[in-house]
Amino acid sequence: MLAKDIAEIVNAKPVAIWNHHLLSKDYTAAFASDLMSDALAMIQDYPESTVLITGLCNAQVLRTCEMLDIEMILFVRGKKLNDESLEIAKEMGFNIFCTDLTMYETCGILYQKGLKGISCH
């Protein structure tokens, strides 16, 4: 599913688009959590084609995505990064979106539209 389609489906607004070519990138999976330790433990296969869905809005999320090579972050519940974290995101080249939907609603809608969760090992 294309990044721009993911954003449109959950009515997400762009917060920071640093890599415009990633808007037409095909993402095959999503992982939703506010615990970055879970993301580090669970996202092992094809992280570059995984969207991270979270309500945790700080630099720890960015560092986790950097370690995992995740390029698209979707913040739920209307959460937004502060200016300092946005600068870090810019340096890392992430595309960041924000939706007012809850994590549950966001995951349900995206799953229904065909985006799958990551497989557990």
Foldseek 3Di string as FASTA:
>chain_A
DFQLVLCVLQVWDWPDQQDPVSRRPAAAAEDEDQDLVCVLVFPDPPQCRYEYEYQNAELVVVVSCLVSVHAEYEHELQDYHDPVSVVVCNVSRHTYIYHNHDPVVSVVRVVVVRRYHGDGD
